[in-house]
């Protein structure tokens, strides 16, 4: 009988250190067991690693890649992948699960929202990346050009960022991007994850270079992918973490990686249209409505003041719908999203 191994490979995070090679990740996908790796995504100037866990079963099957920590202050997905890494046992699997715990380790350690403290770029806006670019661009390149080709399906897991209130949790898929097969398989995953709302992204990706988001970069490579949003506000949201852990397990069963059985999820609410209200100027945000509540067209969602507390802008709902996202913290820059409303069917 095959003895399942447990490898721990750790290197110092320095410009001269070496982390696991792509060949070592491929070896982990081929060898039954559980492997914690640090995958290099750096260059000569600034280096970093991408901590990931590979869990491979003794029977052949598909490979699922679950990506967390694209934004460093979105903690619920990060903790969910860490818990899954401890809970999942290789002997029960057919195929492999790759758990990327912190895609953006510099942002995680820097406690920053949206952007990296190293190059000031939003990792989720620079895919498919550049092997010779800034650190965020090199991370995107390592994920999209080296990890995605190993996967049969991708989960790009997010939450509201450290300054965002997000409710309810939802999954999303690209309803107009990629081949019909990729669209159909992505839609099936979005439903199988089991959250009560599914967003159908209406963006068309005519060119691969237009796929600037982590999930869309997978679709552009022909890999079925969904986005997941659960949690937010820079806290450990236990209900959201539970939703994410259960959702990944549901996708494993859906793909045939595990034999775990789940009741069919309720029919989700489909969202095809969302609109965001943005601040016209730098200032201080004062929210009035909570995410997860229904709003009516013209309803005041909050207001922005100048540095002296004088109101300079009122944010109002663009139509009747569900308030999906709300900025939580007062500081706001011109052009930043204050609130996002979804039109309900």
C-alpha atoms as a PDB file:
ATOM      1  CA  UNK A   1       0.000   0.000   0.000  1.00  0.00           C
ATOM      2  CA  UNK A   2       1.225   3.504  -0.869  1.00  0.00           C
ATOM      3  CA  UNK A   3       2.333   5.479   2.190  1.00  0.00           C
ATOM      4  CA  UNK A   4       1.089   9.047   1.892  1.00  0.00           C
ATOM      5  CA  UNK A   5       3.859  11.547   2.443  1.00  0.00           C
ATOM      6  CA  UNK A   6       3.893  15.026   3.873  1.00  0.00           C
ATOM      7  CA  UNK A   7       6.524  17.389   2.497  1.00  0.00           C
ATOM      8  CA  UNK A   8       7.312  20.773   3.921  1.00  0.00           C
ATOM      9  CA  UNK A   9       9.464  22.942   1.683  1.00  0.00           C
ATOM     10  CA  UNK A  10      10.328  26.416   2.964  1.00  0.00           C
ATOM     11  CA  UNK A  11      12.839  28.980   1.716  1.00  0.00           C
ATOM     12  CA  UNK A  12      13.711  32.404   3.046  1.00  0.00           C
ATOM     13  CA  UNK A  13      12.034  35.262   1.195  1.00  0.00           C
ATOM     14  CA  UNK A  14      15.044  37.065  -0.204  1.00  0.00           C
ATOM     15  CA  UNK A  15      16.090  38.137  -3.663  1.00  0.00           C
ATOM     16  CA  UNK A  16      18.749  35.428  -3.756  1.00  0.00           C
ATOM     17  CA  UNK A  17      16.679  32.572  -2.327  1.00  0.00           C
ATOM     18  CA  UNK A  18      14.956  29.968  -4.455  1.00  0.00           C
ATOM     19  CA  UNK A  19      11.474  28.623  -3.851  1.00  0.00           C
ATOM     20  CA  UNK A  20       9.769  25.581  -5.307  1.00  0.00           C
ATOM     21  CA  UNK A  21      10.075  25.264  -9.061  1.00  0.00           C
ATOM     22  CA  UNK A  22       7.195  24.622 -11.411  1.00  0.00           C
ATOM     23  CA  UNK A  23       8.563  21.108 -11.864  1.00  0.00           C
ATOM     24  CA  UNK A  24       8.248  20.493  -8.118  1.00  0.00           C
ATOM     25  CA  UNK A  25       4.605  21.590  -8.231  1.00  0.00           C
ATOM     26  CA  UNK A  26       4.008  19.245 -11.157  1.00  0.00           C
ATOM     27  CA  UNK A  27       5.662  16.468  -9.160  1.00  0.00           C
ATOM     28  CA  UNK A  28       3.338  17.203  -6.234  1.00  0.00           C
ATOM     29  CA  UNK A  29       0.356  16.897  -8.584  1.00  0.00           C
ATOM     30  CA  UNK A  30       1.584  13.476  -9.710  1.00  0.00           C
ATOM     31  CA  UNK A  31       2.572  12.041  -6.300  1.00  0.00           C
ATOM     32  CA  UNK A  32      -0.217  11.156  -3.838  1.00  0.00           C
ATOM     33  CA  UNK A  33       0.090  13.143  -0.626  1.00  0.00           C
ATOM     34  CA  UNK A  34      -0.058  16.621   0.859  1.00  0.00           C
ATOM     35  CA  UNK A  35       2.652  19.153   0.039  1.00  0.00           C
ATOM     36  CA  UNK A  36       3.157  22.673   1.411  1.00  0.00           C
ATOM     37  CA  UNK A  37       5.213  24.736  -1.032  1.00  0.00           C
ATOM     38  CA  UNK A  38       6.388  28.290  -1.503  1.00  0.00           C
ATOM     39  CA  UNK A  39       6.339  29.116  -5.205  1.00  0.00           C
ATOM     40  CA  UNK A  40       8.627  31.908  -6.447  1.00  0.00           C
ATOM     41  CA  UNK A  41       7.196  34.973  -8.124  1.00  0.00           C
ATOM     42  CA  UNK A  42      10.024  37.469  -8.041  1.00  0.00           C
ATOM     43  CA  UNK A  43      12.868  39.107  -9.888  1.00  0.00           C
ATOM     44  CA  UNK A  44      16.238  40.718  -9.361  1.00  0.00           C
ATOM     45  CA  UNK A  45      14.879  43.774  -7.580  1.00  0.00           C
ATOM     46  CA  UNK A  46      12.130  42.585  -5.210  1.00  0.00           C
ATOM     47  CA  UNK A  47      11.141  38.967  -4.634  1.00  0.00           C
ATOM     48  CA  UNK A  48       8.207  37.235  -3.018  1.00  0.00           C
ATOM     49  CA  UNK A  49       6.688  33.776  -2.740  1.00  0.00           C
ATOM     50  CA  UNK A  50       3.201  32.384  -3.162  1.00  0.00           C
ATOM     51  CA  UNK A  51       2.409  29.945  -0.306  1.00  0.00           C
ATOM     52  CA  UNK A  52       0.332  27.054  -1.602  1.00  0.00           C
ATOM     53  CA  UNK A  53      -0.718  23.541  -0.647  1.00  0.00           C
ATOM     54  CA  UNK A  54      -1.078  20.698  -3.142  1.00  0.00           C
ATOM     55  CA  UNK A  55      -3.218  17.721  -2.104  1.00  0.00           C
ATOM     56  CA  UNK A  56      -3.197  14.788  -4.522  1.00  0.00           C
ATOM     57  CA  UNK A  57      -5.235  11.618  -4.242  1.00  0.00           C
ATOM     58  CA  UNK A  58      -4.216   8.106  -5.266  1.00  0.00           C
ATOM     59  CA  UNK A  59      -6.723   8.004  -8.136  1.00  0.00           C
ATOM     60  CA  UNK A  60      -6.670  10.069 -11.347  1.00  0.00           C
ATOM     61  CA  UNK A  61      -9.010  12.994 -11.647  1.00  0.00           C
ATOM     62  CA  UNK A  62      -9.212  16.725 -12.371  1.00  0.00           C
ATOM     63  CA  UNK A  63      -7.192  19.475 -10.703  1.00  0.00           C
ATOM     64  CA  UNK A  64      -8.989  22.300  -8.885  1.00  0.00           C
ATOM     65  CA  UNK A  65      -7.105  25.529  -8.132  1.00  0.00           C
ATOM     66  CA  UNK A  66      -8.586  27.692  -5.346  1.00  0.00           C
ATOM     67  CA  UNK A  67      -7.016  31.146  -5.293  1.00  0.00           C
ATOM     68  CA  UNK A  68      -7.126  33.393  -2.201  1.00  0.00           C
ATOM     69  CA  UNK A  69      -5.354  36.542  -1.104  1.00  0.00           C
ATOM     70  CA  UNK A  70      -5.246  38.383  -4.429  1.00  0.00           C
ATOM     71  CA  UNK A  71      -6.087  41.326  -2.184  1.00  0.00           C
ATOM     72  CA  UNK A  72      -4.116  41.061   1.032  1.00  0.00           C
ATOM     73  CA  UNK A  73      -6.798  42.358   3.410  1.00  0.00           C
ATOM     74  CA  UNK A  74      -9.518  39.978   2.231  1.00  0.00           C
ATOM     75  CA  UNK A  75      -9.082  37.505   5.050  1.00  0.00           C
ATOM     76  CA  UNK A  76     -12.042  35.111   4.866  1.00  0.00           C
ATOM     77  CA  UNK A  77     -10.825  33.291   1.711  1.00  0.00           C
ATOM     78  CA  UNK A  78      -7.259  33.155   3.053  1.00  0.00           C
ATOM     79  CA  UNK A  79      -8.378  31.488   6.294  1.00  0.00           C
ATOM     80  CA  UNK A  80     -10.735  29.182   4.386  1.00  0.00           C
ATOM     81  CA  UNK A  81      -7.872  27.811   2.251  1.00  0.00           C
ATOM     82  CA  UNK A  82      -5.706  27.377   5.360  1.00  0.00           C
ATOM     83  CA  UNK A  83      -8.441  25.335   7.048  1.00  0.00           C
ATOM     84  CA  UNK A  84      -8.987  23.249   3.950  1.00  0.00           C
ATOM     85  CA  UNK A  85      -5.248  22.534   3.797  1.00  0.00           C
ATOM     86  CA  UNK A  86      -5.448  21.019   7.269  1.00  0.00           C
ATOM     87  CA  UNK A  87      -8.748  19.201   6.787  1.00  0.00           C
ATOM     88  CA  UNK A  88      -8.506  17.609   3.336  1.00  0.00           C
ATOM     89  CA  UNK A  89      -7.026  14.116   3.301  1.00  0.00           C
ATOM     90  CA  UNK A  90      -5.375  12.895   0.101  1.00  0.00           C
ATOM     91  CA  UNK A  91      -6.418   9.246   0.424  1.00  0.00           C
ATOM     92  CA  UNK A  92     -10.065  10.204  -0.189  1.00  0.00           C
ATOM     93  CA  UNK A  93      -9.449  12.188  -3.387  1.00  0.00           C
ATOM     94  CA  UNK A  94      -9.448  11.475  -7.115  1.00  0.00           C
ATOM     95  CA  UNK A  95      -7.265  14.129  -8.676  1.00  0.00           C
ATOM     96  CA  UNK A  96      -5.751  17.165  -6.968  1.00  0.00           C
ATOM     97  CA  UNK A  97      -6.595  20.374  -5.139  1.00  0.00           C
ATOM     98  CA  UNK A  98      -4.189  23.323  -5.240  1.00  0.00           C
ATOM     99  CA  UNK A  99      -4.851  25.888  -2.499  1.00  0.00           C
ATOM    100  CA  UNK A 100      -3.138  29.247  -3.037  1.00  0.00           C
ATOM    101  CA  UNK A 101      -3.256  30.804   0.417  1.00  0.00           C
ATOM    102  CA  UNK A 102      -1.841  34.270  -0.261  1.00  0.00           C
ATOM    103  CA  UNK A 103      -1.448  35.224  -3.897  1.00  0.00           C
ATOM    104  CA  UNK A 104      -0.357  38.690  -2.799  1.00  0.00           C
ATOM    105  CA  UNK A 105       1.859  38.138   0.241  1.00  0.00           C
ATOM    106  CA  UNK A 106       3.311  41.711   0.168  1.00  0.00           C
ATOM    107  CA  UNK A 107      -0.201  43.171   0.464  1.00  0.00           C
ATOM    108  CA  UNK A 108      -1.082  40.692   3.222  1.00  0.00           C
ATOM    109  CA  UNK A 109       1.975  41.569   5.291  1.00  0.00           C
ATOM    110  CA  UNK A 110       1.552  45.272   4.500  1.00  0.00           C
ATOM    111  CA  UNK A 111      -2.123  45.196   5.576  1.00  0.00           C
ATOM    112  CA  UNK A 112      -2.997  47.250   2.504  1.00  0.00           C
ATOM    113  CA  UNK A 113      -6.307  47.451   0.658  1.00  0.00           C
ATOM    114  CA  UNK A 114      -6.671  47.190  -3.119  1.00  0.00           C
ATOM    115  CA  UNK A 115      -2.996  47.688  -3.992  1.00  0.00           C
ATOM    116  CA  UNK A 116       0.473  46.341  -3.219  1.00  0.00           C
ATOM    117  CA  UNK A 117       2.715  48.365  -0.898  1.00  0.00           C
ATOM    118  CA  UNK A 118       5.632  47.479  -3.197  1.00  0.00           C
ATOM    119  CA  UNK A 119       4.505  48.885  -6.544  1.00  0.00           C
ATOM    120  CA  UNK A 120       1.140  50.524  -5.784  1.00  0.00           C
ATOM    121  CA  UNK A 121      -0.675  48.280  -8.277  1.00  0.00           C
ATOM    122  CA  UNK A 122      -3.903  46.321  -7.885  1.00  0.00           C
ATOM    123  CA  UNK A 123      -3.021  42.676  -8.577  1.00  0.00           C
ATOM    124  CA  UNK A 124      -6.563  42.041  -9.772  1.00  0.00           C
ATOM    125  CA  UNK A 125      -6.127  44.598 -12.546  1.00  0.00           C
ATOM    126  CA  UNK A 126      -2.780  43.489 -14.040  1.00  0.00           C
ATOM    127  CA  UNK A 127      -3.470  39.961 -15.295  1.00  0.00           C
ATOM    128  CA  UNK A 128      -2.186  38.092 -17.253  1.00  0.00           C
ATOM    129  CA  UNK A 129       0.933  39.821 -15.940  1.00  0.00           C
ATOM    130  CA  UNK A 130       4.453  40.367 -17.185  1.00  0.00           C
ATOM    131  CA  UNK A 131       7.505  38.247 -16.325  1.00  0.00           C
ATOM    132  CA  UNK A 132       9.689  41.380 -16.502  1.00  0.00           C
ATOM    133  CA  UNK A 133       7.254  43.834 -14.962  1.00  0.00           C
ATOM    134  CA  UNK A 134       6.692  45.143 -11.455  1.00  0.00           C
ATOM    135  CA  UNK A 135       6.183  42.731  -8.574  1.00  0.00           C
ATOM    136  CA  UNK A 136       2.377  42.615  -8.952  1.00  0.00           C
ATOM    137  CA  UNK A 137       2.752  41.969 -12.668  1.00  0.00           C
ATOM    138  CA  UNK A 138       5.217  39.148 -11.992  1.00  0.00           C
ATOM    139  CA  UNK A 139       2.846  37.553  -9.464  1.00  0.00           C
ATOM    140  CA  UNK A 140       0.037  37.707 -12.035  1.00  0.00           C
ATOM    141  CA  UNK A 141       2.331  36.166 -14.651  1.00  0.00           C
ATOM    142  CA  UNK A 142       3.359  33.315 -12.338  1.00  0.00           C
ATOM    143  CA  UNK A 143      -0.281  32.508 -11.564  1.00  0.00           C
ATOM    144  CA  UNK A 144      -1.771  32.851 -15.037  1.00  0.00           C
ATOM    145  CA  UNK A 145       1.073  31.460 -17.143  1.00  0.00           C
ATOM    146  CA  UNK A 146       2.378  28.745 -14.823  1.00  0.00           C
ATOM    147  CA  UNK A 147      -0.361  27.674 -12.394  1.00  0.00           C
ATOM    148  CA  UNK A 148      -3.499  28.047 -14.522  1.00  0.00           C
ATOM    149  CA  UNK A 149      -2.320  25.595 -17.212  1.00  0.00           C
ATOM    150  CA  UNK A 150      -2.138  22.916 -14.491  1.00  0.00           C
ATOM    151  CA  UNK A 151      -5.795  23.408 -13.515  1.00  0.00           C
ATOM    152  CA  UNK A 152      -9.047  22.040 -14.899  1.00  0.00           C
ATOM    153  CA  UNK A 153     -11.065  24.595 -12.911  1.00  0.00           C
ATOM    154  CA  UNK A 154     -10.279  27.800 -10.991  1.00  0.00           C
ATOM    155  CA  UNK A 155     -11.989  29.426  -8.001  1.00  0.00           C
ATOM    156  CA  UNK A 156     -10.956  33.082  -7.601  1.00  0.00           C
ATOM    157  CA  UNK A 157     -12.043  33.734  -4.011  1.00  0.00           C
ATOM    158  CA  UNK A 158     -12.475  37.234  -2.601  1.00  0.00           C
ATOM    159  CA  UNK A 159     -14.339  39.150   0.064  1.00  0.00           C
ATOM    160  CA  UNK A 160     -15.086  42.785   0.595  1.00  0.00           C
ATOM    161  CA  UNK A 161     -11.703  44.436   1.136  1.00  0.00           C
ATOM    162  CA  UNK A 162     -10.586  45.686   4.535  1.00  0.00           C
ATOM    163  CA  UNK A 163     -12.690  48.844   4.152  1.00  0.00           C
ATOM    164  CA  UNK A 164     -15.742  47.283   2.486  1.00  0.00           C
ATOM    165  CA  UNK A 165     -18.990  45.840   3.796  1.00  0.00           C
ATOM    166  CA  UNK A 166     -20.221  43.050   1.481  1.00  0.00           C
ATOM    167  CA  UNK A 167     -23.513  41.179   1.831  1.00  0.00           C
ATOM    168  CA  UNK A 168     -24.824  38.747   0.795  1.00  0.00           C
ATOM    169  CA  UNK A 169     -22.137  36.318  -0.337  1.00  0.00           C
ATOM    170  CA  UNK A 170     -22.239  35.457  -4.036  1.00  0.00           C
ATOM    171  CA  UNK A 171     -20.558  33.643  -6.890  1.00  0.00           C
ATOM    172  CA  UNK A 172     -20.049  35.039 -10.371  1.00  0.00           C
ATOM    173  CA  UNK A 173     -19.092  33.722 -13.780  1.00  0.00           C
ATOM    174  CA  UNK A 174     -18.289  35.198 -17.189  1.00  0.00           C
ATOM    175  CA  UNK A 175     -21.507  34.653 -19.117  1.00  0.00           C
ATOM    176  CA  UNK A 176     -20.204  36.094 -22.400  1.00  0.00           C
ATOM    177  CA  UNK A 177     -16.511  35.195 -22.377  1.00  0.00           C
ATOM    178  CA  UNK A 178     -14.743  32.100 -23.620  1.00  0.00           C
ATOM    179  CA  UNK A 179     -16.094  29.133 -25.553  1.00  0.00           C
ATOM    180  CA  UNK A 180     -19.614  27.896 -24.910  1.00  0.00           C
ATOM    181  CA  UNK A 181     -18.130  24.882 -23.136  1.00  0.00           C
ATOM    182  CA  UNK A 182     -16.142  27.103 -20.754  1.00  0.00           C
ATOM    183  CA  UNK A 183     -19.207  29.275 -20.132  1.00  0.00           C
ATOM    184  CA  UNK A 184     -21.415  26.265 -19.428  1.00  0.00           C
ATOM    185  CA  UNK A 185     -18.899  24.648 -17.075  1.00  0.00           C
ATOM    186  CA  UNK A 186     -18.284  27.938 -15.268  1.00  0.00           C
ATOM    187  CA  UNK A 187     -22.016  28.483 -14.832  1.00  0.00           C
ATOM    188  CA  UNK A 188     -22.416  24.965 -13.429  1.00  0.00           C
ATOM    189  CA  UNK A 189     -19.670  25.666 -10.855  1.00  0.00           C
ATOM    190  CA  UNK A 190     -21.233  29.014  -9.900  1.00  0.00           C
ATOM    191  CA  UNK A 191     -24.487  27.212  -9.130  1.00  0.00           C
ATOM    192  CA  UNK A 192     -22.827  24.201  -7.465  1.00  0.00           C
ATOM    193  CA  UNK A 193     -20.881  26.368  -4.988  1.00  0.00           C
ATOM    194  CA  UNK A 194     -24.192  26.834  -3.215  1.00  0.00           C
ATOM    195  CA  UNK A 195     -24.424  30.561  -2.397  1.00  0.00           C
ATOM    196  CA  UNK A 196     -27.838  32.274  -2.678  1.00  0.00           C
ATOM    197  CA  UNK A 197     -26.887  34.776  -5.423  1.00  0.00           C
ATOM    198  CA  UNK A 198     -25.096  34.281  -8.750  1.00  0.00           C
ATOM    199  CA  UNK A 199     -23.795  37.252 -10.742  1.00  0.00           C
ATOM    200  CA  UNK A 200     -23.611  36.780 -14.504  1.00  0.00           C
ATOM    201  CA  UNK A 201     -20.776  39.024 -15.693  1.00  0.00           C
ATOM    202  CA  UNK A 202     -21.705  40.550 -19.028  1.00  0.00           C
ATOM    203  CA  UNK A 203     -18.181  41.521 -20.112  1.00  0.00           C
ATOM    204  CA  UNK A 204     -16.912  40.158 -23.408  1.00  0.00           C
ATOM    205  CA  UNK A 205     -13.193  39.384 -23.588  1.00  0.00           C
ATOM    206  CA  UNK A 206     -12.498  39.884 -27.274  1.00  0.00           C
ATOM    207  CA  UNK A 207      -8.741  39.768 -26.679  1.00  0.00           C
ATOM    208  CA  UNK A 208      -6.806  37.818 -24.036  1.00  0.00           C
ATOM    209  CA  UNK A 209      -5.061  41.038 -22.955  1.00  0.00           C
ATOM    210  CA  UNK A 210      -8.460  42.387 -21.906  1.00  0.00           C
ATOM    211  CA  UNK A 211      -8.645  39.687 -19.209  1.00  0.00           C
ATOM    212  CA  UNK A 212      -7.111  41.859 -16.492  1.00  0.00           C
ATOM    213  CA  UNK A 213      -8.875  40.097 -13.583  1.00  0.00           C
ATOM    214  CA  UNK A 214      -7.638  36.838 -12.057  1.00  0.00           C
ATOM    215  CA  UNK A 215     -10.790  34.905 -12.959  1.00  0.00           C
ATOM    216  CA  UNK A 216     -11.028  36.279 -16.484  1.00  0.00           C
ATOM    217  CA  UNK A 217      -7.373  35.390 -17.114  1.00  0.00           C
ATOM    218  CA  UNK A 218      -8.265  31.751 -16.447  1.00  0.00           C
ATOM    219  CA  UNK A 219     -11.236  31.926 -18.811  1.00  0.00           C
ATOM    220  CA  UNK A 220      -9.010  33.486 -21.479  1.00  0.00           C
ATOM    221  CA  UNK A 221      -6.795  30.386 -21.214  1.00  0.00           C
ATOM    222  CA  UNK A 222      -9.796  28.113 -21.676  1.00  0.00           C
ATOM    223  CA  UNK A 223     -10.074  27.132 -18.007  1.00  0.00           C
ATOM    224  CA  UNK A 224     -13.569  27.286 -16.421  1.00  0.00           C
ATOM    225  CA  UNK A 225     -13.512  29.795 -13.573  1.00  0.00           C
ATOM    226  CA  UNK A 226     -15.807  31.499 -11.105  1.00  0.00           C
ATOM    227  CA  UNK A 227     -15.424  34.416  -8.728  1.00  0.00           C
ATOM    228  CA  UNK A 228     -16.545  34.017  -5.125  1.00  0.00           C
ATOM    229  CA  UNK A 229     -17.258  36.888  -2.719  1.00  0.00           C
ATOM    230  CA  UNK A 230     -17.833  36.244   1.001  1.00  0.00           C
ATOM    231  CA  UNK A 231     -16.903  38.284   4.077  1.00  0.00           C
ATOM    232  CA  UNK A 232     -15.194  41.649   4.344  1.00  0.00           C
ATOM    233  CA  UNK A 233     -14.275  44.601   6.563  1.00  0.00           C
ATOM    234  CA  UNK A 234     -10.867  43.173   7.442  1.00  0.00           C
ATOM    235  CA  UNK A 235     -12.234  40.741  10.029  1.00  0.00           C
ATOM    236  CA  UNK A 236     -12.420  36.970  10.415  1.00  0.00           C
ATOM    237  CA  UNK A 237     -16.041  36.424   9.414  1.00  0.00           C
ATOM    238  CA  UNK A 238     -16.791  32.877  10.606  1.00  0.00           C
ATOM    239  CA  UNK A 239     -20.073  32.432   8.687  1.00  0.00           C
ATOM    240  CA  UNK A 240     -18.327  33.579   5.500  1.00  0.00           C
ATOM    241  CA  UNK A 241     -15.360  31.281   6.148  1.00  0.00           C
ATOM    242  CA  UNK A 242     -17.778  28.369   6.630  1.00  0.00           C
ATOM    243  CA  UNK A 243     -19.516  29.259   3.352  1.00  0.00           C
ATOM    244  CA  UNK A 244     -16.179  29.250   1.534  1.00  0.00           C
ATOM    245  CA  UNK A 245     -14.961  25.978   3.032  1.00  0.00           C
ATOM    246  CA  UNK A 246     -18.271  24.280   2.259  1.00  0.00           C
ATOM    247  CA  UNK A 247     -18.370  25.805  -1.214  1.00  0.00           C
ATOM    248  CA  UNK A 248     -14.919  24.483  -2.134  1.00  0.00           C
ATOM    249  CA  UNK A 249     -15.932  21.047  -0.875  1.00  0.00           C
ATOM    250  CA  UNK A 250     -19.104  21.245  -2.970  1.00  0.00           C
ATOM    251  CA  UNK A 251     -17.048  22.092  -6.062  1.00  0.00           C
ATOM    252  CA  UNK A 252     -14.715  19.159  -5.341  1.00  0.00           C
ATOM    253  CA  UNK A 253     -17.754  16.867  -5.292  1.00  0.00           C
ATOM    254  CA  UNK A 254     -19.180  18.548  -8.400  1.00  0.00           C
ATOM    255  CA  UNK A 255     -15.936  17.870 -10.300  1.00  0.00           C
ATOM    256  CA  UNK A 256     -15.632  14.303  -9.018  1.00  0.00           C
ATOM    257  CA  UNK A 257     -12.498  15.005  -6.954  1.00  0.00           C
ATOM    258  CA  UNK A 258     -14.298  13.853  -3.814  1.00  0.00           C
ATOM    259  CA  UNK A 259     -17.218  11.513  -3.172  1.00  0.00           C
ATOM    260  CA  UNK A 260     -18.693  13.767  -0.475  1.00  0.00           C
ATOM    261  CA  UNK A 261     -22.455  14.128  -0.862  1.00  0.00           C
ATOM    262  CA  UNK A 262     -24.386  17.389  -0.583  1.00  0.00           C
ATOM    263  CA  UNK A 263     -28.038  18.269  -0.925  1.00  0.00           C
ATOM    264  CA  UNK A 264     -28.762  20.235  -4.118  1.00  0.00           C
ATOM    265  CA  UNK A 265     -28.475  23.973  -3.420  1.00  0.00           C
ATOM    266  CA  UNK A 266     -31.592  26.161  -3.637  1.00  0.00           C
ATOM    267  CA  UNK A 267     -32.124  27.891  -6.970  1.00  0.00           C
ATOM    268  CA  UNK A 268     -30.033  31.088  -6.716  1.00  0.00           C
ATOM    269  CA  UNK A 269     -31.116  34.617  -7.499  1.00  0.00           C
ATOM    270  CA  UNK A 270     -29.507  35.625 -10.814  1.00  0.00           C
ATOM    271  CA  UNK A 271     -28.006  39.103 -11.070  1.00  0.00           C
ATOM    272  CA  UNK A 272     -27.207  40.459 -14.538  1.00  0.00           C
ATOM    273  CA  UNK A 273     -26.924  44.166 -13.842  1.00  0.00           C
ATOM    274  CA  UNK A 274     -24.969  46.071 -11.204  1.00  0.00           C
ATOM    275  CA  UNK A 275     -24.189  49.769 -10.906  1.00  0.00           C
ATOM    276  CA  UNK A 276     -21.680  51.524  -8.692  1.00  0.00           C
ATOM    277  CA  UNK A 277     -21.825  55.028  -7.252  1.00  0.00           C
ATOM    278  CA  UNK A 278     -18.406  56.677  -7.128  1.00  0.00           C
ATOM    279  CA  UNK A 279     -17.119  59.661  -5.213  1.00  0.00           C
ATOM    280  CA  UNK A 280     -16.521  62.770  -7.331  1.00  0.00           C
ATOM    281  CA  UNK A 281     -13.806  64.056  -4.995  1.00  0.00           C
ATOM    282  CA  UNK A 282     -11.484  63.211  -2.123  1.00  0.00           C
ATOM    283  CA  UNK A 283     -13.267  63.400   1.187  1.00  0.00           C
ATOM    284  CA  UNK A 284     -14.904  61.539   4.081  1.00  0.00           C
ATOM    285  CA  UNK A 285     -17.659  58.967   3.511  1.00  0.00           C
ATOM    286  CA  UNK A 286     -20.682  58.707   5.781  1.00  0.00           C
ATOM    287  CA  UNK A 287     -22.739  55.567   4.972  1.00  0.00           C
ATOM    288  CA  UNK A 288     -26.469  55.424   5.690  1.00  0.00           C
ATOM    289  CA  UNK A 289     -27.562  52.007   4.349  1.00  0.00           C
ATOM    290  CA  UNK A 290     -26.192  48.555   5.125  1.00  0.00           C
ATOM    291  CA  UNK A 291     -25.034  46.070   2.528  1.00  0.00           C
ATOM    292  CA  UNK A 292     -27.519  43.250   2.090  1.00  0.00           C
ATOM    293  CA  UNK A 293     -30.579  45.505   2.306  1.00  0.00           C
ATOM    294  CA  UNK A 294     -33.015  46.342  -0.465  1.00  0.00           C
ATOM    295  CA  UNK A 295     -32.971  49.941  -1.646  1.00  0.00           C
ATOM    296  CA  UNK A 296     -35.200  52.038  -3.877  1.00  0.00           C
ATOM    297  CA  UNK A 297     -34.229  54.313  -6.740  1.00  0.00           C
ATOM    298  CA  UNK A 298     -33.021  57.661  -5.434  1.00  0.00           C
ATOM    299  CA  UNK A 299     -32.612  56.458  -1.846  1.00  0.00           C
ATOM    300  CA  UNK A 300     -29.729  58.104   0.008  1.00  0.00           C
ATOM    301  CA  UNK A 301     -27.012  55.518   0.547  1.00  0.00           C
ATOM    302  CA  UNK A 302     -24.642  57.963   2.225  1.00  0.00           C
ATOM    303  CA  UNK A 303     -22.843  61.240   1.674  1.00  0.00           C
ATOM    304  CA  UNK A 304     -19.315  62.582   1.262  1.00  0.00           C
ATOM    305  CA  UNK A 305     -18.013  65.582   3.176  1.00  0.00           C
ATOM    306  CA  UNK A 306     -14.979  67.792   2.690  1.00  0.00           C
ATOM    307  CA  UNK A 307     -12.179  67.898   5.284  1.00  0.00           C
ATOM    308  CA  UNK A 308     -14.291  70.194   7.465  1.00  0.00           C
ATOM    309  CA  UNK A 309     -17.357  67.946   7.574  1.00  0.00           C
ATOM    310  CA  UNK A 310     -19.383  69.935   5.042  1.00  0.00           C
ATOM    311  CA  UNK A 311     -21.455  67.700   2.683  1.00  0.00           C
ATOM    312  CA  UNK A 312     -20.275  67.857  -0.927  1.00  0.00           C
ATOM    313  CA  UNK A 313     -21.960  64.806  -2.480  1.00  0.00           C
ATOM    314  CA  UNK A 314     -24.958  62.573  -1.870  1.00  0.00           C
ATOM    315  CA  UNK A 315     -24.780  58.945  -3.032  1.00  0.00           C
ATOM    316  CA  UNK A 316     -28.190  57.742  -4.189  1.00  0.00           C
ATOM    317  CA  UNK A 317     -29.342  54.346  -5.456  1.00  0.00           C
ATOM    318  CA  UNK A 318     -29.381  54.307  -9.285  1.00  0.00           C
ATOM    319  CA  UNK A 319     -32.383  51.940  -9.324  1.00  0.00           C
ATOM    320  CA  UNK A 320     -34.436  49.638  -7.108  1.00  0.00           C
ATOM    321  CA  UNK A 321     -32.327  46.695  -6.038  1.00  0.00           C
ATOM    322  CA  UNK A 322     -30.025  45.069  -3.511  1.00  0.00           C
ATOM    323  CA  UNK A 323     -27.111  46.927  -1.938  1.00  0.00           C
ATOM    324  CA  UNK A 324     -24.271  44.426  -2.494  1.00  0.00           C
ATOM    325  CA  UNK A 325     -21.274  46.483  -1.406  1.00  0.00           C
ATOM    326  CA  UNK A 326     -20.727  49.555   0.717  1.00  0.00           C
ATOM    327  CA  UNK A 327     -17.582  51.424   1.613  1.00  0.00           C
ATOM    328  CA  UNK A 328     -17.188  51.130   5.365  1.00  0.00           C
ATOM    329  CA  UNK A 329     -14.313  53.440   6.345  1.00  0.00           C
ATOM    330  CA  UNK A 330     -14.531  57.246   5.996  1.00  0.00           C
ATOM    331  CA  UNK A 331     -11.463  57.995   3.803  1.00  0.00           C
ATOM    332  CA  UNK A 332     -12.329  58.082   0.113  1.00  0.00           C
ATOM    333  CA  UNK A 333     -10.508  59.185  -3.015  1.00  0.00           C
ATOM    334  CA  UNK A 334     -12.045  60.704  -6.115  1.00  0.00           C
ATOM    335  CA  UNK A 335     -13.334  57.946  -8.382  1.00  0.00           C
ATOM    336  CA  UNK A 336     -13.529  55.263  -5.671  1.00  0.00           C
ATOM    337  CA  UNK A 337     -16.661  53.145  -5.316  1.00  0.00           C
ATOM    338  CA  UNK A 338     -18.948  54.171  -2.469  1.00  0.00           C
ATOM    339  CA  UNK A 339     -21.673  51.597  -3.064  1.00  0.00           C
ATOM    340  CA  UNK A 340     -22.731  48.938  -5.575  1.00  0.00           C
ATOM    341  CA  UNK A 341     -26.383  48.115  -6.223  1.00  0.00           C
ATOM    342  CA  UNK A 342     -27.635  44.994  -8.010  1.00  0.00           C
ATOM    343  CA  UNK A 343     -30.857  45.003  -9.982  1.00  0.00           C
ATOM    344  CA  UNK A 344     -32.991  42.079  -8.846  1.00  0.00           C
ATOM    345  CA  UNK A 345     -35.030  39.999 -11.323  1.00  0.00           C
END
